[in-house]
Amino acid sequence: MKLLINDVKQLGERIRKARRAQGLTQEQLAAACGVGTRFVRELESGKESCHLGKSLRVIKMLGMDMSIEGYGNL
């Protein structure tokens, strides 16, 4: 399923839904990704300053993909 995400709040909501659908707590997800629980909590709440690399690690751990579409081959 492909979803358009327009802001970090929507990204956080999708991550939270995926985590819950897999029956994981924030603590379990954090441990599996090698990040802190606080990071997962802030990511799910849509904090704009969350580290992109760590965010991508969480997305991958949840079995999700992230892509960017734009103007041709730029």
N, C-alpha and C. Protein backbone atom coordinates (compact mmCIF):
# COMPACT_ATOMS: atom_id res chain seq x y z
N MET A 1 0.84 -1.18 0.00
CA MET A 1 0.00 0.00 0.00
C MET A 1 0.89 1.24 0.00
N LYS A 2 0.59 2.16 -0.88
CA LYS A 2 1.37 3.38 -1.01
C LYS A 2 0.57 4.53 -0.40
N LEU A 3 1.18 5.25 0.55
CA LEU A 3 0.52 6.37 1.19
C LEU A 3 1.35 7.63 0.98
N LEU A 4 0.67 8.73 0.76
CA LEU A 4 1.34 10.01 0.64
C LEU A 4 1.48 10.59 2.04
N ILE A 5 2.70 10.94 2.41
CA ILE A 5 2.96 11.53 3.72
C ILE A 5 3.42 12.96 3.50
N ASN A 6 2.71 13.90 4.09
CA ASN A 6 2.99 15.31 3.87
C ASN A 6 3.77 15.98 4.98
N ASP A 7 3.84 15.35 6.14
CA ASP A 7 4.56 15.98 7.24
C ASP A 7 5.01 14.92 8.25
N VAL A 8 5.82 15.34 9.20
CA VAL A 8 6.37 14.38 10.18
C VAL A 8 5.30 13.82 11.11
N LYS A 9 4.25 14.55 11.32
CA LYS A 9 3.15 14.06 12.16
C LYS A 9 2.51 12.82 11.50
N GLN A 10 2.26 12.89 10.21
CA GLN A 10 1.69 11.75 9.49
C GLN A 10 2.66 10.57 9.47
N LEU A 11 3.96 10.85 9.32
CA LEU A 11 4.96 9.78 9.36
C LEU A 11 4.93 9.09 10.71
N GLY A 12 4.89 9.87 11.77
CA GLY A 12 4.84 9.31 13.12
C GLY A 12 3.61 8.45 13.35
N GLU A 13 2.48 8.91 12.84
CA GLU A 13 1.23 8.14 12.98
C GLU A 13 1.33 6.80 12.26
N ARG A 14 1.92 6.78 11.06
CA ARG A 14 2.08 5.51 10.32
C ARG A 14 3.02 4.57 11.04
N ILE A 15 4.09 5.11 11.60
CA ILE A 15 5.03 4.28 12.35
C ILE A 15 4.36 3.69 13.58
N ARG A 16 3.59 4.49 14.29
CA ARG A 16 2.88 4.01 15.47
C ARG A 16 1.90 2.89 15.10
N LYS A 17 1.14 3.09 14.02
CA LYS A 17 0.18 2.07 13.58
C LYS A 17 0.89 0.77 13.21
N ALA A 18 2.01 0.87 12.51
CA ALA A 18 2.76 -0.33 12.12
C ALA A 18 3.30 -1.05 13.35
N ARG A 19 3.82 -0.30 14.30
CA ARG A 19 4.37 -0.90 15.53
C ARG A 19 3.27 -1.63 16.29
N ARG A 20 2.14 -0.98 16.45
CA ARG A 20 1.03 -1.60 17.19
C ARG A 20 0.48 -2.82 16.45
N ALA A 21 0.41 -2.73 15.13
CA ALA A 21 -0.09 -3.86 14.34
C ALA A 21 0.80 -5.09 14.51
N GLN A 22 2.08 -4.86 14.79
CA GLN A 22 3.03 -5.96 15.00
C GLN A 22 3.13 -6.37 16.47
N GLY A 23 2.33 -5.72 17.31
CA GLY A 23 2.28 -6.09 18.72
C GLY A 23 3.52 -5.69 19.50
N LEU A 24 4.22 -4.67 19.04
CA LEU A 24 5.44 -4.23 19.71
C LEU A 24 5.17 -3.03 20.61
N THR A 25 5.86 -2.99 21.74
CA THR A 25 5.84 -1.79 22.56
C THR A 25 6.91 -0.84 22.03
N GLN A 26 6.85 0.40 22.46
CA GLN A 26 7.89 1.35 22.08
C GLN A 26 9.25 0.87 22.57
N GLU A 27 9.29 0.28 23.73
CA GLU A 27 10.54 -0.22 24.29
C GLU A 27 11.12 -1.36 23.45
N GLN A 28 10.25 -2.26 23.02
CA GLN A 28 10.70 -3.39 22.19
C GLN A 28 11.21 -2.91 20.84
N LEU A 29 10.51 -1.98 20.23
CA LEU A 29 10.94 -1.44 18.95
C LEU A 29 12.27 -0.72 19.09
N ALA A 30 12.40 0.07 20.12
CA ALA A 30 13.64 0.81 20.35
C ALA A 30 14.82 -0.15 20.50
N ALA A 31 14.64 -1.19 21.28
CA ALA A 31 15.72 -2.17 21.50
C ALA A 31 16.09 -2.88 20.20
N ALA A 32 15.09 -3.24 19.40
CA ALA A 32 15.34 -3.94 18.15
C ALA A 32 16.08 -3.06 17.14
N CYS A 33 15.88 -1.76 17.23
CA CYS A 33 16.48 -0.82 16.28
C CYS A 33 17.78 -0.20 16.79
N GLY A 34 18.08 -0.43 18.05
CA GLY A 34 19.28 0.17 18.62
C GLY A 34 19.15 1.67 18.86
N VAL A 35 17.93 2.11 19.16
CA VAL A 35 17.69 3.51 19.49
C VAL A 35 17.04 3.56 20.86
N GLY A 36 16.92 4.75 21.41
CA GLY A 36 16.30 4.90 22.72
C GLY A 36 14.79 4.96 22.63
N THR A 37 14.15 4.60 23.73
CA THR A 37 12.69 4.67 23.80
C THR A 37 12.21 6.10 23.58
N ARG A 38 12.94 7.05 24.11
CA ARG A 38 12.58 8.46 23.93
C ARG A 38 12.55 8.82 22.45
N PHE A 39 13.51 8.30 21.68
CA PHE A 39 13.53 8.59 20.25
C PHE A 39 12.27 8.06 19.58
N VAL A 40 11.89 6.83 19.89
CA VAL A 40 10.69 6.23 19.29
C VAL A 40 9.46 7.05 19.67
N ARG A 41 9.38 7.44 20.92
CA ARG A 41 8.25 8.23 21.40
C ARG A 41 8.17 9.57 20.63
N GLU A 42 9.31 10.24 20.48
CA GLU A 42 9.33 11.52 19.78
C GLU A 42 9.05 11.35 18.28
N LEU A 43 9.56 10.28 17.69
CA LEU A 43 9.29 10.01 16.27
C LEU A 43 7.81 9.79 16.05
N GLU A 44 7.19 9.00 16.89
CA GLU A 44 5.76 8.72 16.75
C GLU A 44 4.91 9.96 17.01
N SER A 45 5.41 10.89 17.80
CA SER A 45 4.63 12.10 18.07
C SER A 45 4.86 13.18 17.01
N GLY A 46 5.75 12.92 16.05
CA GLY A 46 5.95 13.86 14.96
C GLY A 46 6.96 14.94 15.23
N LYS A 47 7.90 14.70 16.13
CA LYS A 47 8.92 15.71 16.40
C LYS A 47 9.74 15.96 15.14
N GLU A 48 9.82 17.21 14.74
CA GLU A 48 10.46 17.56 13.47
C GLU A 48 11.96 17.39 13.47
N SER A 49 12.60 17.37 14.61
CA SER A 49 14.06 17.31 14.63
C SER A 49 14.59 15.88 14.82
N CYS A 50 13.75 14.88 14.64
CA CYS A 50 14.22 13.50 14.78
C CYS A 50 15.26 13.18 13.71
N HIS A 51 16.27 12.47 14.09
CA HIS A 51 17.39 12.10 13.21
C HIS A 51 16.90 11.21 12.07
N LEU A 52 17.19 11.61 10.85
CA LEU A 52 16.69 10.89 9.68
C LEU A 52 17.23 9.46 9.61
N GLY A 53 18.51 9.28 9.88
CA GLY A 53 19.10 7.94 9.82
C GLY A 53 18.43 6.97 10.78
N LYS A 54 18.20 7.42 11.99
CA LYS A 54 17.52 6.57 12.98
C LYS A 54 16.07 6.32 12.56
N SER A 55 15.44 7.34 11.99
CA SER A 55 14.05 7.17 11.54
C SER A 55 13.96 6.12 10.45
N LEU A 56 14.91 6.14 9.52
CA LEU A 56 14.93 5.14 8.46
C LEU A 56 15.18 3.74 9.01
N ARG A 57 16.00 3.64 10.05
CA ARG A 57 16.26 2.34 10.69
C ARG A 57 14.97 1.78 11.28
N VAL A 58 14.18 2.63 11.93
CA VAL A 58 12.91 2.21 12.52
C VAL A 58 11.95 1.78 11.41
N ILE A 59 11.87 2.57 10.35
CA ILE A 59 10.99 2.24 9.23
C ILE A 59 11.35 0.88 8.65
N LYS A 60 12.63 0.64 8.44
CA LYS A 60 13.08 -0.64 7.88
C LYS A 60 12.76 -1.80 8.83
N MET A 61 12.99 -1.61 10.12
CA MET A 61 12.73 -2.65 11.11
C MET A 61 11.26 -3.06 11.11
N LEU A 62 10.37 -2.11 10.86
CA LEU A 62 8.94 -2.38 10.83
C LEU A 62 8.50 -2.99 9.50
N GLY A 63 9.45 -3.20 8.58
CA GLY A 63 9.12 -3.80 7.30
C GLY A 63 8.49 -2.82 6.32
N MET A 64 8.68 -1.54 6.58
CA MET A 64 8.12 -0.51 5.72
C MET A 64 9.21 0.01 4.78
N ASP A 65 8.81 0.62 3.69
CA ASP A 65 9.71 1.25 2.74
C ASP A 65 9.40 2.73 2.68
N MET A 66 10.39 3.51 2.30
CA MET A 66 10.18 4.94 2.11
C MET A 66 10.76 5.32 0.77
N SER A 67 10.01 6.06 -0.01
CA SER A 67 10.52 6.49 -1.32
C SER A 67 10.21 7.97 -1.51
N ILE A 68 10.94 8.53 -2.43
CA ILE A 68 10.75 9.95 -2.77
C ILE A 68 10.51 10.03 -4.26
N GLU A 69 9.49 10.74 -4.63
CA GLU A 69 9.20 10.97 -6.04
C GLU A 69 9.34 12.45 -6.30
N GLY A 70 9.77 12.76 -7.48
CA GLY A 70 9.95 14.17 -7.79
C GLY A 70 9.93 14.44 -9.26
N TYR A 71 10.79 15.31 -9.65
CA TYR A 71 10.85 15.80 -11.03
C TYR A 71 11.83 15.00 -11.85
N GLY A 72 11.36 14.00 -12.53
CA GLY A 72 12.20 13.21 -13.43
C GLY A 72 13.36 12.54 -12.73
N ASN A 73 14.54 12.68 -13.28
CA ASN A 73 15.74 12.02 -12.76
C ASN A 73 16.63 12.96 -11.96
N LEU A 74 16.07 13.95 -11.34
CA LEU A 74 16.90 14.90 -10.59
C LEU A 74 17.59 14.28 -9.42
